[in-house]
């Protein structure tokens, strides 16, 4: 989830997005919160963002789409967390802990709907 560090209202929307995520995503979904526009001065205290992420066992990373700062780190941290979650949350019982299959989802009929 990404919010704008120069607009506190966008951080408050993260809670709404989190509710939607918890309703529709896998229970073991990996969460990362990115505070974007870190190339600018934040307009509010980002300590609350860090504490919120910590309370969710999520990562909080400051990013800048303009400069690229933190963007690679977001994807690296997400990848590490996904692999760790995959290995520890029930997948080991399936004897697949050493393999992460990105194509494991059910395949849709290409003649069917687009979504």
N, C-alpha and C. Protein backbone atom coordinates (compact mmCIF):
# COMPACT_ATOMS: atom_id res chain seq x y z
N UNK A 1 0.86 -1.15 0.00
CA UNK A 1 0.00 0.00 0.00
C UNK A 1 0.91 1.23 0.00
N UNK A 2 0.54 2.21 -0.81
CA UNK A 2 1.36 3.40 -0.97
C UNK A 2 0.56 4.63 -0.57
N UNK A 3 1.18 5.51 0.18
CA UNK A 3 0.57 6.79 0.51
C UNK A 3 1.58 7.90 0.27
N UNK A 4 1.11 9.10 0.27
CA UNK A 4 1.90 10.30 -0.01
C UNK A 4 2.31 10.95 1.30
N UNK A 5 3.61 11.05 1.56
CA UNK A 5 4.09 11.62 2.83
C UNK A 5 3.82 13.12 2.93
N UNK A 6 3.38 13.73 1.84
CA UNK A 6 3.04 15.16 1.89
C UNK A 6 1.54 15.38 2.03
N UNK A 7 0.79 14.27 2.22
CA UNK A 7 -0.67 14.37 2.34
C UNK A 7 -1.14 13.34 3.38
N UNK A 8 -1.32 13.80 4.61
CA UNK A 8 -1.67 12.89 5.71
C UNK A 8 -2.95 12.12 5.46
N UNK A 9 -3.90 12.71 4.75
CA UNK A 9 -5.16 12.01 4.46
C UNK A 9 -4.92 10.70 3.72
N UNK A 10 -3.91 10.66 2.85
CA UNK A 10 -3.64 9.43 2.12
C UNK A 10 -3.16 8.33 3.07
N UNK A 11 -2.46 8.70 4.14
CA UNK A 11 -2.06 7.70 5.13
C UNK A 11 -3.28 7.15 5.85
N UNK A 12 -4.24 8.00 6.16
CA UNK A 12 -5.45 7.54 6.85
C UNK A 12 -6.27 6.59 5.97
N UNK A 13 -6.14 6.69 4.67
CA UNK A 13 -6.84 5.79 3.76
C UNK A 13 -6.26 4.37 3.80
N UNK A 14 -5.03 4.24 4.26
CA UNK A 14 -4.39 2.93 4.34
C UNK A 14 -5.23 1.97 5.18
N UNK A 15 -5.82 2.45 6.26
CA UNK A 15 -6.65 1.60 7.12
C UNK A 15 -7.84 1.04 6.34
N UNK A 16 -8.47 1.85 5.52
CA UNK A 16 -9.58 1.39 4.68
C UNK A 16 -9.09 0.34 3.68
N UNK A 17 -7.95 0.60 3.06
CA UNK A 17 -7.39 -0.35 2.11
C UNK A 17 -7.06 -1.66 2.80
N UNK A 18 -6.57 -1.57 4.03
CA UNK A 18 -6.23 -2.76 4.80
C UNK A 18 -7.47 -3.60 5.07
N UNK A 19 -8.57 -2.95 5.42
CA UNK A 19 -9.83 -3.69 5.64
C UNK A 19 -10.23 -4.43 4.36
N UNK A 20 -10.15 -3.77 3.23
CA UNK A 20 -10.48 -4.42 1.95
C UNK A 20 -9.54 -5.58 1.67
N UNK A 21 -8.27 -5.36 1.94
CA UNK A 21 -7.28 -6.41 1.71
C UNK A 21 -7.57 -7.63 2.57
N UNK A 22 -7.86 -7.40 3.82
CA UNK A 22 -8.14 -8.51 4.73
C UNK A 22 -9.42 -9.25 4.34
N UNK A 23 -10.37 -8.54 3.75
CA UNK A 23 -11.62 -9.16 3.32
C UNK A 23 -11.44 -10.02 2.08
N UNK A 24 -10.61 -9.56 1.15
CA UNK A 24 -10.54 -10.21 -0.16
C UNK A 24 -9.25 -10.98 -0.44
N UNK A 25 -8.23 -10.81 0.37
CA UNK A 25 -6.94 -11.45 0.09
C UNK A 25 -6.76 -12.70 0.94
N UNK A 26 -5.75 -13.46 0.59
CA UNK A 26 -5.34 -14.63 1.37
C UNK A 26 -5.03 -14.19 2.80
N UNK A 27 -5.38 -14.97 3.81
CA UNK A 27 -5.10 -14.59 5.20
C UNK A 27 -3.61 -14.37 5.48
N UNK A 28 -2.76 -14.97 4.68
CA UNK A 28 -1.32 -14.82 4.89
C UNK A 28 -0.70 -13.76 4.00
N UNK A 29 -1.52 -12.83 3.52
CA UNK A 29 -1.03 -11.79 2.62
C UNK A 29 0.12 -11.02 3.29
N UNK A 30 1.11 -10.70 2.51
CA UNK A 30 2.26 -9.93 3.00
C UNK A 30 1.97 -8.46 2.75
N UNK A 31 2.17 -7.65 3.78
CA UNK A 31 1.85 -6.23 3.68
C UNK A 31 3.12 -5.40 3.77
N UNK A 32 3.20 -4.43 2.88
CA UNK A 32 4.28 -3.45 2.90
C UNK A 32 3.62 -2.09 2.69
N UNK A 33 4.03 -1.13 3.49
CA UNK A 33 3.48 0.22 3.39
C UNK A 33 4.61 1.14 2.93
N UNK A 34 4.38 1.79 1.81
CA UNK A 34 5.39 2.68 1.23
C UNK A 34 4.93 4.12 1.38
N UNK A 35 5.78 4.92 2.01
CA UNK A 35 5.54 6.35 2.12
C UNK A 35 6.23 7.02 0.94
N UNK A 36 5.47 7.36 -0.09
CA UNK A 36 6.05 7.90 -1.31
C UNK A 36 6.25 9.41 -1.22
N UNK A 37 7.04 9.93 -2.11
CA UNK A 37 7.45 11.33 -2.20
C UNK A 37 8.41 11.69 -1.07
N UNK A 38 9.25 10.72 -0.67
CA UNK A 38 10.21 11.00 0.41
C UNK A 38 11.31 11.97 -0.05
N UNK A 39 11.31 12.33 -1.32
CA UNK A 39 12.23 13.35 -1.80
C UNK A 39 11.77 14.74 -1.36
N UNK A 40 10.53 14.82 -0.81
CA UNK A 40 9.98 16.07 -0.29
C UNK A 40 9.87 15.97 1.23
N UNK A 41 9.72 17.11 1.87
CA UNK A 41 9.57 17.15 3.33
C UNK A 41 8.19 16.64 3.72
N UNK A 42 8.12 15.64 4.61
CA UNK A 42 6.80 15.14 5.05
C UNK A 42 6.02 16.26 5.75
N UNK A 43 4.71 16.22 5.61
CA UNK A 43 3.86 17.24 6.24
C UNK A 43 3.28 16.77 7.57
N UNK A 44 3.67 15.56 7.99
CA UNK A 44 3.23 15.04 9.28
C UNK A 44 4.29 14.07 9.79
N UNK A 45 4.19 13.70 11.07
CA UNK A 45 5.17 12.83 11.71
C UNK A 45 5.01 11.40 11.21
N UNK A 46 6.05 10.88 10.57
CA UNK A 46 5.99 9.53 10.00
C UNK A 46 6.22 8.44 11.04
N UNK A 47 6.48 8.82 12.28
CA UNK A 47 6.64 7.83 13.35
C UNK A 47 5.39 6.99 13.49
N UNK A 48 4.22 7.62 13.35
CA UNK A 48 2.96 6.88 13.44
C UNK A 48 2.86 5.83 12.33
N UNK A 49 3.40 6.14 11.17
CA UNK A 49 3.38 5.19 10.04
C UNK A 49 4.24 3.98 10.37
N UNK A 50 5.41 4.25 10.93
CA UNK A 50 6.31 3.16 11.31
C UNK A 50 5.68 2.29 12.39
N UNK A 51 5.06 2.91 13.38
CA UNK A 51 4.42 2.17 14.46
C UNK A 51 3.23 1.35 13.94
N UNK A 52 2.46 1.94 13.04
CA UNK A 52 1.32 1.24 12.45
C UNK A 52 1.79 0.01 11.68
N UNK A 53 2.81 0.18 10.86
CA UNK A 53 3.36 -0.95 10.10
C UNK A 53 3.87 -2.03 11.05
N UNK A 54 4.58 -1.62 12.08
CA UNK A 54 5.11 -2.57 13.05
C UNK A 54 3.97 -3.35 13.72
N UNK A 55 2.87 -2.67 14.03
CA UNK A 55 1.73 -3.34 14.69
C UNK A 55 1.09 -4.39 13.78
N UNK A 56 1.28 -4.24 12.47
CA UNK A 56 0.73 -5.19 11.51
C UNK A 56 1.75 -6.26 11.11
N UNK A 57 2.93 -6.18 11.69
CA UNK A 57 4.05 -7.02 11.28
C UNK A 57 4.35 -6.80 9.79
N UNK A 58 4.23 -5.54 9.40
CA UNK A 58 4.47 -5.14 8.01
C UNK A 58 5.74 -4.28 7.94
N UNK A 59 6.21 -4.07 6.75
CA UNK A 59 7.36 -3.21 6.52
C UNK A 59 6.85 -1.81 6.19
N UNK A 60 7.58 -0.80 6.66
CA UNK A 60 7.33 0.58 6.26
C UNK A 60 8.61 1.07 5.59
N UNK A 61 8.47 1.50 4.35
CA UNK A 61 9.63 1.94 3.59
C UNK A 61 9.31 3.29 2.95
N UNK A 62 10.24 4.20 3.09
CA UNK A 62 10.10 5.51 2.45
C UNK A 62 10.61 5.39 1.01
N UNK A 63 9.79 5.89 0.09
CA UNK A 63 10.12 5.76 -1.33
C UNK A 63 9.97 7.10 -2.05
N UNK A 64 10.54 7.14 -3.23
CA UNK A 64 10.34 8.27 -4.12
C UNK A 64 10.24 7.74 -5.55
N UNK A 65 9.09 7.88 -6.14
CA UNK A 65 8.94 7.48 -7.54
C UNK A 65 9.77 8.39 -8.43
N UNK A 66 9.98 9.63 -8.00
CA UNK A 66 10.75 10.58 -8.78
C UNK A 66 12.23 10.20 -8.86
N UNK A 67 12.83 9.93 -7.70
CA UNK A 67 14.26 9.62 -7.67
C UNK A 67 14.55 8.12 -7.70
N UNK A 68 13.55 7.31 -7.41
CA UNK A 68 13.74 5.86 -7.35
C UNK A 68 14.18 5.37 -5.97
N UNK A 69 14.39 6.28 -5.05
CA UNK A 69 14.83 5.91 -3.70
C UNK A 69 13.82 4.97 -3.04
N UNK A 70 14.32 3.88 -2.52
CA UNK A 70 13.49 2.93 -1.77
C UNK A 70 12.64 1.99 -2.61
N UNK A 71 12.51 2.24 -3.90
CA UNK A 71 11.63 1.42 -4.73
C UNK A 71 12.14 -0.02 -4.81
N UNK A 72 13.43 -0.19 -5.10
CA UNK A 72 13.99 -1.54 -5.13
C UNK A 72 13.85 -2.22 -3.78
N UNK A 73 14.04 -1.46 -2.72
CA UNK A 73 13.95 -2.02 -1.37
C UNK A 73 12.54 -2.56 -1.09
N UNK A 74 11.52 -1.86 -1.55
CA UNK A 74 10.15 -2.34 -1.36
C UNK A 74 9.99 -3.73 -1.96
N UNK A 75 10.44 -3.89 -3.20
CA UNK A 75 10.26 -5.18 -3.87
C UNK A 75 11.16 -6.26 -3.26
N UNK A 76 12.35 -5.90 -2.82
CA UNK A 76 13.23 -6.87 -2.15
C UNK A 76 12.61 -7.33 -0.83
N UNK A 77 12.12 -6.40 -0.04
CA UNK A 77 11.51 -6.75 1.25
C UNK A 77 10.24 -7.57 1.05
N UNK A 78 9.43 -7.21 0.06
CA UNK A 78 8.23 -8.00 -0.23
C UNK A 78 8.59 -9.42 -0.63
N UNK A 79 9.57 -9.55 -1.51
CA UNK A 79 9.98 -10.89 -1.95
C UNK A 79 10.48 -11.73 -0.78
N UNK A 80 11.31 -11.16 0.08
CA UNK A 80 11.81 -11.89 1.25
C UNK A 80 10.66 -12.31 2.16
N UNK A 81 9.74 -11.39 2.41
CA UNK A 81 8.61 -11.69 3.30
C UNK A 81 7.68 -12.73 2.71
N UNK A 82 7.46 -12.68 1.41
CA UNK A 82 6.61 -13.67 0.76
C UNK A 82 7.22 -15.05 0.87
N UNK A 83 8.50 -15.16 0.61
CA UNK A 83 9.17 -16.47 0.72
C UNK A 83 9.11 -16.98 2.15
N UNK A 84 9.39 -16.11 3.11
CA UNK A 84 9.35 -16.53 4.51
C UNK A 84 7.94 -16.95 4.92
N UNK A 85 6.93 -16.21 4.50
CA UNK A 85 5.55 -16.56 4.81
C UNK A 85 5.19 -17.88 4.17
N UNK A 86 5.58 -18.05 2.93
CA UNK A 86 5.30 -19.28 2.20
C UNK A 86 5.90 -20.48 2.91
N UNK A 87 7.10 -20.31 3.43
CA UNK A 87 7.79 -21.42 4.11
C UNK A 87 7.22 -21.73 5.48
N UNK A 88 6.68 -20.74 6.16
CA UNK A 88 6.29 -20.96 7.56
C UNK A 88 4.79 -21.07 7.82
N UNK A 89 3.95 -20.68 6.90
CA UNK A 89 2.51 -20.64 7.17
C UNK A 89 1.74 -21.75 6.47
N UNK A 90 2.05 -22.98 6.80
CA UNK A 90 1.24 -24.08 6.31
C UNK A 90 1.72 -24.72 5.02
N UNK A 91 2.54 -24.05 4.26
CA UNK A 91 3.00 -24.63 3.00
C UNK A 91 4.00 -25.76 3.24
N UNK A 92 4.72 -25.71 4.34
CA UNK A 92 5.71 -26.75 4.63
C UNK A 92 5.04 -28.12 4.73
N UNK A 93 3.80 -28.13 5.21
CA UNK A 93 3.07 -29.39 5.32
C UNK A 93 2.83 -30.01 3.95
N UNK A 94 2.83 -29.19 2.94
CA UNK A 94 2.63 -29.69 1.58
C UNK A 94 3.94 -30.12 0.94
N UNK A 95 5.04 -30.08 1.69
CA UNK A 95 6.36 -30.46 1.20
C UNK A 95 6.84 -29.59 0.04
N UNK A 96 6.37 -28.34 0.00
CA UNK A 96 6.77 -27.42 -1.07
C UNK A 96 7.52 -26.22 -0.52
N UNK A 97 8.06 -26.32 0.67
CA UNK A 97 8.68 -25.16 1.30
C UNK A 97 9.89 -24.64 0.54
N UNK A 98 10.53 -25.47 -0.26
CA UNK A 98 11.71 -25.03 -0.98
C UNK A 98 11.40 -24.50 -2.37
N UNK A 99 10.13 -24.53 -2.77
CA UNK A 99 9.76 -24.07 -4.10
C UNK A 99 8.61 -23.09 -4.00
N UNK A 100 8.79 -21.94 -4.59
CA UNK A 100 7.72 -20.96 -4.65
C UNK A 100 7.24 -20.90 -6.09
N UNK A 101 6.01 -21.36 -6.32
CA UNK A 101 5.46 -21.41 -7.68
C UNK A 101 4.58 -20.19 -7.90
N UNK A 102 5.00 -19.34 -8.80
CA UNK A 102 4.23 -18.13 -9.08
C UNK A 102 3.05 -18.40 -9.98
N UNK A 103 3.05 -19.55 -10.67
CA UNK A 103 1.96 -19.88 -11.57
C UNK A 103 0.99 -20.89 -10.97
N UNK A 104 1.01 -21.05 -9.66
CA UNK A 104 0.23 -22.09 -9.00
C UNK A 104 -1.26 -21.80 -8.95
N UNK A 105 -1.68 -20.57 -9.24
CA UNK A 105 -3.10 -20.22 -9.19
C UNK A 105 -3.85 -20.97 -10.29
N UNK A 106 -5.12 -21.20 -10.05
CA UNK A 106 -5.95 -21.88 -11.06
C UNK A 106 -5.95 -21.08 -12.34
N UNK A 107 -5.78 -21.77 -13.44
CA UNK A 107 -5.75 -21.11 -14.75
C UNK A 107 -7.17 -20.86 -15.22
N UNK A 108 -7.40 -19.68 -15.78
CA UNK A 108 -8.71 -19.33 -16.31
C UNK A 108 -8.79 -19.74 -17.77
N UNK A 109 -9.96 -20.10 -18.20
CA UNK A 109 -10.19 -20.41 -19.60
C UNK A 109 -10.03 -19.14 -20.41
N UNK A 110 -9.14 -19.15 -21.39
CA UNK A 110 -8.87 -17.93 -22.16
C UNK A 110 -10.08 -17.46 -22.94
N UNK A 111 -11.03 -18.32 -23.20
CA UNK A 111 -12.25 -17.90 -23.91
C UNK A 111 -13.27 -17.30 -22.96
N UNK A 112 -13.02 -17.44 -21.65
CA UNK A 112 -13.97 -16.93 -20.66
C UNK A 112 -13.80 -15.44 -20.44
N UNK A 113 -14.23 -15.01 -19.29
CA UNK A 113 -14.16 -13.58 -19.00
C UNK A 113 -12.72 -13.12 -18.84
N UNK A 114 -12.53 -11.84 -18.91
CA UNK A 114 -11.17 -11.28 -18.83
C UNK A 114 -10.67 -11.18 -17.40
N UNK A 115 -11.55 -11.31 -16.41
CA UNK A 115 -11.13 -11.06 -15.02
C UNK A 115 -11.26 -12.27 -14.13
